[in-house]
Each structure stands twice: as structure tokens, then as C-alpha cells.
Amino acid sequence: MAGDAQRTELGDFLQARRSELSPAEVGLPGTGHRRRVPGLRREEVAALASISTDFYTRIEQGRRRASKEVLSALARVLRLSADERDYVFELSGREQRPGRPAPQQAQPQLRRLLDDLIMTPAVVLGRRTDILAWNPMAAALFTDFGRLPEQQRNFVRLVFCDDGVRGLYPHWEYAARNGVAQLRREAAQDPDDPDLAALVDELSQRDKDFRRWWTAHQVAVRGAGTNQVRHPVVGELTLDWAALVCTADPNQQLFTWTAQPGTPSHDALRDLAARVNAGGRP
């Protein structure tokens, strides 16, 4: 049976998703009366999924485990994305893992690869977006990670709490919300992780945006994307990021930032690399 934390998270997630849908979006006729709460009612979700209201209520309250067929029906009714659907299945089917995970160390192969990437900013991210290792280009692009206490080397934490890193993003909200969604997605894999709980608690207390976005239950996977960066030395950059999973430890990913060849961003990144590789500070 899935753990209590997972069942609670599943119920909260389903409730958050149905609150975002209107009856018209799912083909239900309007009643002409203003609703006291936004979104679909439990009985409407249950009817559309062909299950009883009592059954759905128990799922949302964490008192009943749903079958794969019911989960598929709920994913369809609630218009879940592929990432959200996977998230629901993980929450419903994974067993609790007792105890605190062992501290992570970056794989030696990844460390050597970081050293070879002299033109490309790269970091190794572990659980909870902890920064396990980085190369000089990543430090030049973002911040000197080595000056930070180890417990503060967390990418999402830096995006919210470090004024220097936060100021790098002209479209900060986009980058920050994506980070929260990735962190929320990761929470399904180990919802009882005390370090994750401590991180979420700290950021929820320090930042109202984090608190609001965390409770919205949006999820996303770390895959690839594009960010704008406003660097204090080399100027505006449009960078494509990609996350490469380490097969030796799937909880570690190599993150790289690159620019399209022939663009001003590519030239600026090369300028940054020249400064770093010459031994000077950017």
C-alpha cells in the first residue's frame, strides 16, 4: 500500500487539478448559478470517470487506493499532461522507503566530464536539485558555488534566495515556477524525504511565491528547455539547457547550458569561456 504521505499528496494533487477546470471545459452544461468554489465538484469528476462519488471522495481523502483503470480515467477527466499522469501513477503505486537516503556524491565519471567541458557551463544535480559538482564555466555564469555552505548548494534555493542568481533571470517567474514544478515532481519519488521537507518548509516561509506555487501542485520533469540570462559581464544570453541522466545513479543528472551557433549568445558564451580559461574572473 502506498504511504500516508503519498496518499495525501495524491488527494491534494487531484483536488488542485479539478479546481482549475470549469464544467464547460469538460462538456458539462452550466446551471446558471454561481459556484461557491471554483472548478469541478467531486460528484462531477466521479460521474465523468464512471465511478461513485463516495469512491472518488475516498481517493481524494487518501482513504482508498485506486486501480490503474480508475487512475487512467481520472487523468483523462482532469486533462492531465503526460508528466502529471506519470506523477499520479507514481504516487498511487510506490511503496514508502524508510529512512534517510545516504548523502550523494557526484559520480567520478561525471566529474571528469565536467573538467573536459571548458566551453560549456555544466553542473551535476542530485536529489532535490542539490548541486553536487560544477565546472568553472557554471561558476562564472551563475555564482561561485564553492563559497556557499554545502547545505545551501541547491539550485531551486538559489533561484529564490540568492539575490545574485535571482537577478540573472529577466523572466524570473518562468524559471522559478519551472523549478518548483520539477521539485514537486521529484517529491513523488520520495515524499517522506526529511531533507526535501526541510527545504520546502524553509522556502515556503521565506518566499510567498514559492509557497503559492508549491500548493498549486504543478509538476514537470527535468528534460530540456530555454532560459534567458542577463549576465553582468557578457550581457544578454539565450541558453538552451538539457539534463542528461547518469545511468550509474539515475538520481544524478548532468545539466548543461549551450547557445545556438552563430548567435550573439554563442559569441557571448565564448567570450565568457575565454575569460575563464585565461585564468581571470569574468
C-alpha atoms as a PDB file:
ATOM      1  CA  MET A   1       0.000   0.000   0.000  1.00  0.00           C
ATOM      2  CA  ALA A   2       1.256   3.476  -0.769  1.00  0.00           C
ATOM      3  CA  GLY A   3       2.401   5.503   2.245  1.00  0.00           C
ATOM      4  CA  ASP A   4       0.256   8.047   4.040  1.00  0.00           C
ATOM      5  CA  ALA A   5       2.294  10.958   2.671  1.00  0.00           C
ATOM      6  CA  GLN A   6       1.844   9.698  -0.887  1.00  0.00           C
ATOM      7  CA  ARG A   7      -1.914   9.215  -0.482  1.00  0.00           C
ATOM      8  CA  THR A   8      -2.237  12.712   0.969  1.00  0.00           C
ATOM      9  CA  GLU A   9      -0.192  14.192  -1.864  1.00  0.00           C
ATOM     10  CA  LEU A  10      -2.297  12.333  -4.444  1.00  0.00           C
ATOM     11  CA  GLY A  11      -5.514  13.693  -2.935  1.00  0.00           C
ATOM     12  CA  ASP A  12      -4.154  17.238  -2.786  1.00  0.00           C
ATOM     13  CA  PHE A  13      -2.985  16.978  -6.387  1.00  0.00           C
ATOM     14  CA  LEU A  14      -6.352  15.723  -7.663  1.00  0.00           C
ATOM     15  CA  GLN A  15      -8.160  18.446  -5.760  1.00  0.00           C
ATOM     16  CA  ALA A  16      -5.855  21.119  -7.172  1.00  0.00           C
ATOM     17  CA  ARG A  17      -6.381  19.881 -10.723  1.00  0.00           C
ATOM     18  CA  ARG A  18     -10.193  19.720 -10.533  1.00  0.00           C
ATOM     19  CA  SER A  19     -10.292  23.230  -9.060  1.00  0.00           C
ATOM     20  CA  GLU A  20      -8.734  24.507 -12.294  1.00  0.00           C
ATOM     21  CA  LEU A  21     -11.375  23.052 -14.624  1.00  0.00           C
ATOM     22  CA  SER A  22     -14.763  24.579 -15.391  1.00  0.00           C
ATOM     23  CA  PRO A  23     -17.820  22.464 -16.253  1.00  0.00           C
ATOM     24  CA  ALA A  24     -17.777  23.909 -19.768  1.00  0.00           C
ATOM     25  CA  GLU A  25     -14.221  22.689 -20.349  1.00  0.00           C
ATOM     26  CA  VAL A  26     -15.276  19.085 -19.775  1.00  0.00           C
ATOM     27  CA  GLY A  27     -18.574  19.311 -21.626  1.00  0.00           C
ATOM     28  CA  LEU A  28     -20.947  19.754 -18.693  1.00  0.00           C
ATOM     29  CA  PRO A  29     -23.894  22.153 -19.051  1.00  0.00           C
ATOM     30  CA  GLY A  30     -23.938  25.265 -16.922  1.00  0.00           C
ATOM     31  CA  THR A  31     -26.502  25.625 -14.131  1.00  0.00           C
ATOM     32  CA  GLY A  32     -26.793  29.389 -14.290  1.00  0.00           C
ATOM     33  CA  HIS A  33     -25.868  29.619 -10.598  1.00  0.00           C
ATOM     34  CA  ARG A  34     -22.594  30.987  -9.317  1.00  0.00           C
ATOM     35  CA  ARG A  35     -20.479  28.333  -7.639  1.00  0.00           C
ATOM     36  CA  ARG A  36     -19.212  28.803  -4.120  1.00  0.00           C
ATOM     37  CA  VAL A  37     -15.853  27.247  -5.002  1.00  0.00           C
ATOM     38  CA  PRO A  38     -14.055  27.248  -8.368  1.00  0.00           C
ATOM     39  CA  GLY A  39     -13.637  24.206 -10.561  1.00  0.00           C
ATOM     40  CA  LEU A  40     -15.396  20.866 -10.767  1.00  0.00           C
ATOM     41  CA  ARG A  41     -17.226  19.272  -7.870  1.00  0.00           C
ATOM     42  CA  ARG A  42     -16.267  15.813  -6.664  1.00  0.00           C
ATOM     43  CA  GLU A  43     -19.520  14.330  -7.912  1.00  0.00           C
ATOM     44  CA  GLU A  44     -18.877  15.747 -11.391  1.00  0.00           C
ATOM     45  CA  VAL A  45     -15.394  14.236 -11.564  1.00  0.00           C
ATOM     46  CA  ALA A  46     -16.762  10.921 -10.330  1.00  0.00           C
ATOM     47  CA  ALA A  47     -19.562  10.874 -12.916  1.00  0.00           C
ATOM     48  CA  LEU A  48     -17.196  11.671 -15.765  1.00  0.00           C
ATOM     49  CA  ALA A  49     -14.816   8.912 -14.607  1.00  0.00           C
ATOM     50  CA  SER A  50     -17.712   6.420 -14.238  1.00  0.00           C
ATOM     51  CA  ILE A  51     -17.112   5.792 -10.532  1.00  0.00           C
ATOM     52  CA  SER A  52     -19.210   6.592  -7.483  1.00  0.00           C
ATOM     53  CA  THR A  53     -18.866   9.891  -5.676  1.00  0.00           C
ATOM     54  CA  ASP A  54     -18.099   8.020  -2.457  1.00  0.00           C
ATOM     55  CA  PHE A  55     -15.278   6.099  -4.145  1.00  0.00           C
ATOM     56  CA  TYR A  56     -13.728   9.252  -5.595  1.00  0.00           C
ATOM     57  CA  THR A  57     -14.090  11.093  -2.276  1.00  0.00           C
ATOM     58  CA  ARG A  58     -12.188   8.304  -0.518  1.00  0.00           C
ATOM     59  CA  ILE A  59      -9.388   8.526  -3.106  1.00  0.00           C
ATOM     60  CA  GLU A  60      -9.124  12.282  -2.672  1.00  0.00           C
ATOM     61  CA  GLN A  61      -9.155  11.928   1.112  1.00  0.00           C
ATOM     62  CA  GLY A  62      -6.391   9.330   0.996  1.00  0.00           C
ATOM     63  CA  ARG A  63      -8.620   6.529   2.306  1.00  0.00           C
ATOM     64  CA  ARG A  64      -8.791   4.363  -0.821  1.00  0.00           C
ATOM     65  CA  ARG A  65      -6.238   3.196  -3.369  1.00  0.00           C
ATOM     66  CA  ALA A  66      -7.341   3.440  -6.982  1.00  0.00           C
ATOM     67  CA  SER A  67      -6.750   0.857  -9.711  1.00  0.00           C
ATOM     68  CA  LYS A  68      -4.785   1.651 -12.874  1.00  0.00           C
ATOM     69  CA  GLU A  69      -8.051   1.835 -14.786  1.00  0.00           C
ATOM     70  CA  VAL A  70      -9.528   4.389 -12.393  1.00  0.00           C
ATOM     71  CA  LEU A  71      -6.330   6.452 -12.414  1.00  0.00           C
ATOM     72  CA  SER A  72      -6.368   6.476 -16.212  1.00  0.00           C
ATOM     73  CA  ALA A  73      -9.977   7.634 -16.185  1.00  0.00           C
ATOM     74  CA  LEU A  74      -9.202  10.417 -13.699  1.00  0.00           C
ATOM     75  CA  ALA A  75      -6.206  11.516 -15.766  1.00  0.00           C
ATOM     76  CA  ARG A  76      -8.473  11.770 -18.786  1.00  0.00           C
ATOM     77  CA  VAL A  77     -11.238  13.653 -16.950  1.00  0.00           C
ATOM     78  CA  LEU A  78      -8.835  16.114 -15.331  1.00  0.00           C
ATOM     79  CA  ARG A  79      -6.987  16.738 -18.618  1.00  0.00           C
ATOM     80  CA  LEU A  80      -3.631  15.763 -17.112  1.00  0.00           C
ATOM     81  CA  SER A  81      -0.450  16.138 -19.123  1.00  0.00           C
ATOM     82  CA  ALA A  82       1.830  13.137 -19.661  1.00  0.00           C
ATOM     83  CA  ASP A  83       4.075  14.314 -16.801  1.00  0.00           C
ATOM     84  CA  GLU A  84       1.095  14.790 -14.479  1.00  0.00           C
ATOM     85  CA  ARG A  85      -0.306  11.366 -15.388  1.00  0.00           C
ATOM     86  CA  ASP A  86       3.024   9.700 -14.571  1.00  0.00           C
ATOM     87  CA  TYR A  87       3.103  11.626 -11.303  1.00  0.00           C
ATOM     88  CA  VAL A  88      -0.328  10.312 -10.306  1.00  0.00           C
ATOM     89  CA  PHE A  89       0.675   6.729 -11.053  1.00  0.00           C
ATOM     90  CA  GLU A  90       3.883   7.056  -9.041  1.00  0.00           C
ATOM     91  CA  LEU A  91       2.042   8.470  -6.050  1.00  0.00           C
ATOM     92  CA  SER A  92      -0.504   5.683  -6.168  1.00  0.00           C
ATOM     93  CA  GLY A  93       1.860   2.772  -6.713  1.00  0.00           C
ATOM     94  CA  ARG A  94       5.158   3.383  -4.933  1.00  0.00           C
ATOM     95  CA  GLU A  95       5.898   1.933  -1.528  1.00  0.00           C
ATOM     96  CA  GLN A  96       7.289   4.074   1.243  1.00  0.00           C
ATOM     97  CA  ARG A  97      11.038   3.931   1.576  1.00  0.00           C
ATOM     98  CA  PRO A  98      12.035   4.140   5.238  1.00  0.00           C
ATOM     99  CA  GLY A  99      14.999   6.089   6.497  1.00  0.00           C
ATOM    100  CA  ARG A 100      17.058   8.993   5.223  1.00  0.00           C
ATOM    101  CA  PRO A 101      18.822   8.440   1.875  1.00  0.00           C
ATOM    102  CA  ALA A 102      22.599   8.311   2.005  1.00  0.00           C
ATOM    103  CA  PRO A 103      24.356  11.595   1.097  1.00  0.00           C
ATOM    104  CA  GLN A 104      25.074  11.801  -2.606  1.00  0.00           C
ATOM    105  CA  GLN A 105      28.476  12.230  -4.185  1.00  0.00           C
ATOM    106  CA  ALA A 106      28.899  13.134  -7.839  1.00  0.00           C
ATOM    107  CA  GLN A 107      29.917  10.131  -9.913  1.00  0.00           C
ATOM    108  CA  PRO A 108      33.660  10.236 -10.786  1.00  0.00           C
ATOM    109  CA  GLN A 109      32.863   9.902 -14.489  1.00  0.00           C
ATOM    110  CA  LEU A 110      30.641  12.979 -14.310  1.00  0.00           C
ATOM    111  CA  ARG A 111      33.348  14.939 -12.502  1.00  0.00           C
ATOM    112  CA  ARG A 112      35.850  14.122 -15.242  1.00  0.00           C
ATOM    113  CA  LEU A 113      33.309  15.130 -17.867  1.00  0.00           C
ATOM    114  CA  LEU A 114      32.798  18.459 -16.104  1.00  0.00           C
ATOM    115  CA  ASP A 115      36.529  19.109 -16.270  1.00  0.00           C
ATOM    116  CA  ASP A 116      36.503  18.466 -20.032  1.00  0.00           C
ATOM    117  CA  LEU A 117      33.660  20.902 -20.716  1.00  0.00           C
ATOM    118  CA  ILE A 118      35.822  24.009 -20.862  1.00  0.00           C
ATOM    119  CA  MET A 119      33.448  25.920 -23.161  1.00  0.00           C
ATOM    120  CA  THR A 120      30.143  24.843 -21.624  1.00  0.00           C
ATOM    121  CA  PRO A 121      28.626  25.690 -18.223  1.00  0.00           C
ATOM    122  CA  ALA A 122      27.634  22.440 -16.506  1.00  0.00           C
ATOM    123  CA  VAL A 123      26.653  21.158 -13.071  1.00  0.00           C
ATOM    124  CA  VAL A 124      25.752  17.795 -11.580  1.00  0.00           C
ATOM    125  CA  LEU A 125      22.396  17.950  -9.809  1.00  0.00           C
ATOM    126  CA  GLY A 126      21.280  15.319  -7.352  1.00  0.00           C
ATOM    127  CA  ARG A 127      18.132  14.803  -5.326  1.00  0.00           C
ATOM    128  CA  ARG A 128      16.120  17.947  -4.557  1.00  0.00           C
ATOM    129  CA  THR A 129      18.256  19.858  -7.155  1.00  0.00           C
ATOM    130  CA  ASP A 130      21.236  19.705  -4.804  1.00  0.00           C
ATOM    131  CA  ILE A 131      24.386  20.890  -6.594  1.00  0.00           C
ATOM    132  CA  LEU A 132      26.888  18.030  -6.273  1.00  0.00           C
ATOM    133  CA  ALA A 133      29.596  19.349  -8.609  1.00  0.00           C
ATOM    134  CA  TRP A 134      30.197  22.132 -11.136  1.00  0.00           C
ATOM    135  CA  ASN A 135      32.785  23.376 -13.578  1.00  0.00           C
ATOM    136  CA  PRO A 136      34.399  26.851 -13.744  1.00  0.00           C
ATOM    137  CA  MET A 137      32.062  27.923 -16.538  1.00  0.00           C
ATOM    138  CA  ALA A 138      28.994  27.230 -14.387  1.00  0.00           C
ATOM    139  CA  ALA A 139      30.516  29.218 -11.535  1.00  0.00           C
ATOM    140  CA  ALA A 140      31.237  32.076 -13.945  1.00  0.00           C
ATOM    141  CA  LEU A 141      27.706  32.009 -15.340  1.00  0.00           C
ATOM    142  CA  PHE A 142      25.791  31.715 -12.051  1.00  0.00           C
ATOM    143  CA  THR A 143      27.798  32.106  -8.843  1.00  0.00           C
ATOM    144  CA  ASP A 144      30.847  30.782  -7.034  1.00  0.00           C
ATOM    145  CA  PHE A 145      29.225  27.671  -5.616  1.00  0.00           C
ATOM    146  CA  GLY A 146      32.370  26.920  -3.613  1.00  0.00           C
ATOM    147  CA  ARG A 147      31.825  29.952  -1.395  1.00  0.00           C
ATOM    148  CA  LEU A 148      28.450  28.612  -0.261  1.00  0.00           C
ATOM    149  CA  PRO A 149      27.985  26.286   2.693  1.00  0.00           C
ATOM    150  CA  GLU A 150      27.287  22.793   1.398  1.00  0.00           C
ATOM    151  CA  GLN A 151      23.711  22.771   2.732  1.00  0.00           C
ATOM    152  CA  GLN A 152      22.938  25.887   0.681  1.00  0.00           C
ATOM    153  CA  ARG A 153      24.126  24.431  -2.631  1.00  0.00           C
ATOM    154  CA  ASN A 154      20.692  23.788  -4.015  1.00  0.00           C
ATOM    155  CA  PHE A 155      19.596  25.212  -7.362  1.00  0.00           C
ATOM    156  CA  VAL A 156      15.968  25.947  -6.533  1.00  0.00           C
ATOM    157  CA  ARG A 157      17.031  27.516  -3.250  1.00  0.00           C
ATOM    158  CA  LEU A 158      19.485  29.801  -5.063  1.00  0.00           C
ATOM    159  CA  VAL A 159      16.847  30.884  -7.582  1.00  0.00           C
ATOM    160  CA  PHE A 160      14.606  32.028  -4.722  1.00  0.00           C
ATOM    161  CA  CYS A 161      17.059  33.103  -2.014  1.00  0.00           C
ATOM    162  CA  ASP A 162      20.262  34.316  -3.679  1.00  0.00           C
ATOM    163  CA  ASP A 163      19.820  37.872  -4.969  1.00  0.00           C
ATOM    164  CA  GLY A 164      22.685  37.458  -7.442  1.00  0.00           C
ATOM    165  CA  VAL A 165      21.285  34.309  -9.038  1.00  0.00           C
ATOM    166  CA  ARG A 166      17.742  35.635  -8.922  1.00  0.00           C
ATOM    167  CA  GLY A 167      18.821  38.786 -10.721  1.00  0.00           C
ATOM    168  CA  LEU A 168      20.290  36.787 -13.601  1.00  0.00           C
ATOM    169  CA  TYR A 169      16.819  35.867 -14.854  1.00  0.00           C
ATOM    170  CA  PRO A 170      14.935  38.666 -16.659  1.00  0.00           C
ATOM    171  CA  HIS A 171      11.992  36.256 -16.769  1.00  0.00           C
ATOM    172  CA  TRP A 172      12.465  35.083 -13.212  1.00  0.00           C
ATOM    173  CA  GLU A 173       8.922  33.858 -12.633  1.00  0.00           C
ATOM    174  CA  TYR A 174       9.139  31.422 -15.557  1.00  0.00           C
ATOM    175  CA  ALA A 175      12.431  29.943 -14.304  1.00  0.00           C
ATOM    176  CA  ALA A 176      11.277  29.847 -10.679  1.00  0.00           C
ATOM    177  CA  ARG A 177       7.910  28.208 -11.373  1.00  0.00           C
ATOM    178  CA  ASN A 178       9.578  25.599 -13.550  1.00  0.00           C
ATOM    179  CA  GLY A 179      11.993  24.815 -10.726  1.00  0.00           C
ATOM    180  CA  VAL A 180       9.129  24.424  -8.253  1.00  0.00           C
ATOM    181  CA  ALA A 181       7.256  22.127 -10.653  1.00  0.00           C
ATOM    182  CA  GLN A 182      10.350  19.953 -11.107  1.00  0.00           C
ATOM    183  CA  LEU A 183      10.825  19.787  -7.345  1.00  0.00           C
ATOM    184  CA  ARG A 184       7.170  18.844  -6.868  1.00  0.00           C
ATOM    185  CA  ARG A 185       7.543  16.094  -9.480  1.00  0.00           C
ATOM    186  CA  GLU A 186      10.556  14.736  -7.618  1.00  0.00           C
ATOM    187  CA  ALA A 187       8.617  14.695  -4.355  1.00  0.00           C
ATOM    188  CA  ALA A 188       6.528  11.814  -5.699  1.00  0.00           C
ATOM    189  CA  GLN A 189       9.591   9.572  -5.724  1.00  0.00           C
ATOM    190  CA  ASP A 190      10.289  10.031  -2.015  1.00  0.00           C
ATOM    191  CA  PRO A 191       7.613  12.132  -0.297  1.00  0.00           C
ATOM    192  CA  ASP A 192       8.972  11.231   3.157  1.00  0.00           C
ATOM    193  CA  ASP A 193      12.464  12.600   2.467  1.00  0.00           C
ATOM    194  CA  PRO A 194      13.178  14.785   5.542  1.00  0.00           C
ATOM    195  CA  ASP A 195      15.694  16.936   3.651  1.00  0.00           C
ATOM    196  CA  LEU A 196      13.103  17.710   0.991  1.00  0.00           C
ATOM    197  CA  ALA A 197      10.563  18.546   3.696  1.00  0.00           C
ATOM    198  CA  ALA A 198      13.072  20.886   5.351  1.00  0.00           C
ATOM    199  CA  LEU A 199      13.819  22.616   2.028  1.00  0.00           C
ATOM    200  CA  VAL A 200      10.136  23.095   1.220  1.00  0.00           C
ATOM    201  CA  ASP A 201       9.442  24.384   4.728  1.00  0.00           C
ATOM    202  CA  GLU A 202      12.306  26.889   4.538  1.00  0.00           C
ATOM    203  CA  LEU A 203      11.360  28.213   1.111  1.00  0.00           C
ATOM    204  CA  SER A 204       7.653  28.339   1.998  1.00  0.00           C
ATOM    205  CA  GLN A 205       8.452  30.533   4.986  1.00  0.00           C
ATOM    206  CA  ARG A 206      10.906  32.764   3.127  1.00  0.00           C
ATOM    207  CA  ASP A 207       9.037  33.325  -0.128  1.00  0.00           C
ATOM    208  CA  LYS A 208       5.306  33.766  -0.661  1.00  0.00           C
ATOM    209  CA  ASP A 209       5.615  32.928  -4.376  1.00  0.00           C
ATOM    210  CA  PHE A 210       7.229  29.601  -3.603  1.00  0.00           C
ATOM    211  CA  ARG A 211       4.512  28.853  -1.046  1.00  0.00           C
ATOM    212  CA  ARG A 212       1.767  29.684  -3.541  1.00  0.00           C
ATOM    213  CA  TRP A 213       3.294  27.725  -6.431  1.00  0.00           C
ATOM    214  CA  TRP A 214       4.083  24.710  -4.262  1.00  0.00           C
ATOM    215  CA  THR A 215       0.477  24.409  -3.124  1.00  0.00           C
ATOM    216  CA  ALA A 216      -0.682  24.690  -6.773  1.00  0.00           C
ATOM    217  CA  HIS A 217       0.742  21.169  -7.359  1.00  0.00           C
ATOM    218  CA  GLN A 218       2.060  21.831 -10.867  1.00  0.00           C
ATOM    219  CA  VAL A 219       4.601  19.204 -11.964  1.00  0.00           C
ATOM    220  CA  ALA A 220       7.293  18.985 -14.643  1.00  0.00           C
ATOM    221  CA  VAL A 221      10.230  16.728 -15.414  1.00  0.00           C
ATOM    222  CA  ARG A 222      13.817  17.824 -15.850  1.00  0.00           C
ATOM    223  CA  GLY A 223      14.418  17.392 -19.553  1.00  0.00           C
ATOM    224  CA  ALA A 224      15.318  20.365 -21.714  1.00  0.00           C
ATOM    225  CA  GLY A 225      14.313  23.972 -22.166  1.00  0.00           C
ATOM    226  CA  THR A 226      15.428  27.532 -22.812  1.00  0.00           C
ATOM    227  CA  ASN A 227      16.179  30.356 -20.398  1.00  0.00           C
ATOM    228  CA  GLN A 228      17.112  33.995 -20.759  1.00  0.00           C
ATOM    229  CA  VAL A 229      20.085  35.071 -18.642  1.00  0.00           C
ATOM    230  CA  ARG A 230      21.245  38.654 -18.065  1.00  0.00           C
ATOM    231  CA  HIS A 231      24.939  38.272 -17.212  1.00  0.00           C
ATOM    232  CA  PRO A 232      26.688  41.262 -15.601  1.00  0.00           C
ATOM    233  CA  VAL A 233      29.784  40.886 -17.826  1.00  0.00           C
ATOM    234  CA  VAL A 234      28.816  39.352 -21.200  1.00  0.00           C
ATOM    235  CA  GLY A 235      25.247  40.657 -21.339  1.00  0.00           C
ATOM    236  CA  GLU A 236      22.004  39.056 -22.510  1.00  0.00           C
ATOM    237  CA  LEU A 237      22.117  35.321 -23.238  1.00  0.00           C
ATOM    238  CA  THR A 238      19.559  32.909 -24.645  1.00  0.00           C
ATOM    239  CA  LEU A 239      20.664  29.498 -23.427  1.00  0.00           C
ATOM    240  CA  ASP A 240      19.299  26.018 -24.076  1.00  0.00           C
ATOM    241  CA  TRP A 241      19.583  23.717 -21.091  1.00  0.00           C
ATOM    242  CA  ALA A 242      19.491  19.939 -21.120  1.00  0.00           C
ATOM    243  CA  ALA A 243      19.504  17.330 -18.360  1.00  0.00           C
ATOM    244  CA  LEU A 244      21.342  14.062 -19.019  1.00  0.00           C
ATOM    245  CA  VAL A 245      20.603  11.201 -16.608  1.00  0.00           C
ATOM    246  CA  CYS A 246      23.516   9.246 -15.151  1.00  0.00           C
ATOM    247  CA  THR A 247      22.720   5.542 -15.616  1.00  0.00           C
ATOM    248  CA  ALA A 248      25.028   4.625 -12.729  1.00  0.00           C
ATOM    249  CA  ASP A 249      22.830   6.731 -10.436  1.00  0.00           C
ATOM    250  CA  PRO A 250      19.539   7.893 -12.007  1.00  0.00           C
ATOM    251  CA  ASN A 251      19.174  10.419  -9.184  1.00  0.00           C
ATOM    252  CA  GLN A 252      22.088  12.376 -10.656  1.00  0.00           C
ATOM    253  CA  GLN A 253      21.836  14.487 -13.793  1.00  0.00           C
ATOM    254  CA  LEU A 254      24.386  16.443 -15.777  1.00  0.00           C
ATOM    255  CA  PHE A 255      22.937  19.885 -16.605  1.00  0.00           C
ATOM    256  CA  THR A 256      24.482  21.856 -19.461  1.00  0.00           C
ATOM    257  CA  TRP A 257      23.768  25.309 -20.916  1.00  0.00           C
ATOM    258  CA  THR A 258      24.585  25.947 -24.576  1.00  0.00           C
ATOM    259  CA  ALA A 259      23.761  28.550 -27.240  1.00  0.00           C
ATOM    260  CA  GLN A 260      22.808  28.194 -30.885  1.00  0.00           C
ATOM    261  CA  PRO A 261      25.952  28.609 -33.054  1.00  0.00           C
ATOM    262  CA  GLY A 262      26.113  31.849 -34.981  1.00  0.00           C
ATOM    263  CA  THR A 263      24.018  33.789 -32.465  1.00  0.00           C
ATOM    264  CA  PRO A 264      25.117  36.687 -30.221  1.00  0.00           C
ATOM    265  CA  SER A 265      24.541  34.393 -27.240  1.00  0.00           C
ATOM    266  CA  HIS A 266      27.003  31.852 -28.658  1.00  0.00           C
ATOM    267  CA  ASP A 267      29.610  34.579 -29.120  1.00  0.00           C
ATOM    268  CA  ALA A 268      28.995  35.893 -25.602  1.00  0.00           C
ATOM    269  CA  LEU A 269      29.368  32.420 -24.134  1.00  0.00           C
ATOM    270  CA  ARG A 270      32.684  32.023 -25.954  1.00  0.00           C
ATOM    271  CA  ASP A 271      33.775  35.384 -24.575  1.00  0.00           C
ATOM    272  CA  LEU A 272      32.935  34.158 -21.070  1.00  0.00           C
ATOM    273  CA  ALA A 273      34.880  30.943 -21.684  1.00  0.00           C
ATOM    274  CA  ALA A 274      37.908  32.894 -22.903  1.00  0.00           C
ATOM    275  CA  ARG A 275      37.913  34.935 -19.705  1.00  0.00           C
ATOM    276  CA  VAL A 276      37.565  31.848 -17.523  1.00  0.00           C
ATOM    277  CA  ASN A 277      40.159  29.778 -19.366  1.00  0.00           C
ATOM    278  CA  ALA A 278      42.649  32.663 -19.289  1.00  0.00           C
ATOM    279  CA  GLY A 279      42.568  32.354 -15.520  1.00  0.00           C
ATOM    280  CA  GLY A 280      40.801  35.631 -14.879  1.00  0.00           C
ATOM    281  CA  ARG A 281      37.469  36.332 -13.268  1.00  0.00           C
ATOM    282  CA  PRO A 282      34.633  37.130 -15.695  1.00  0.00           C
END
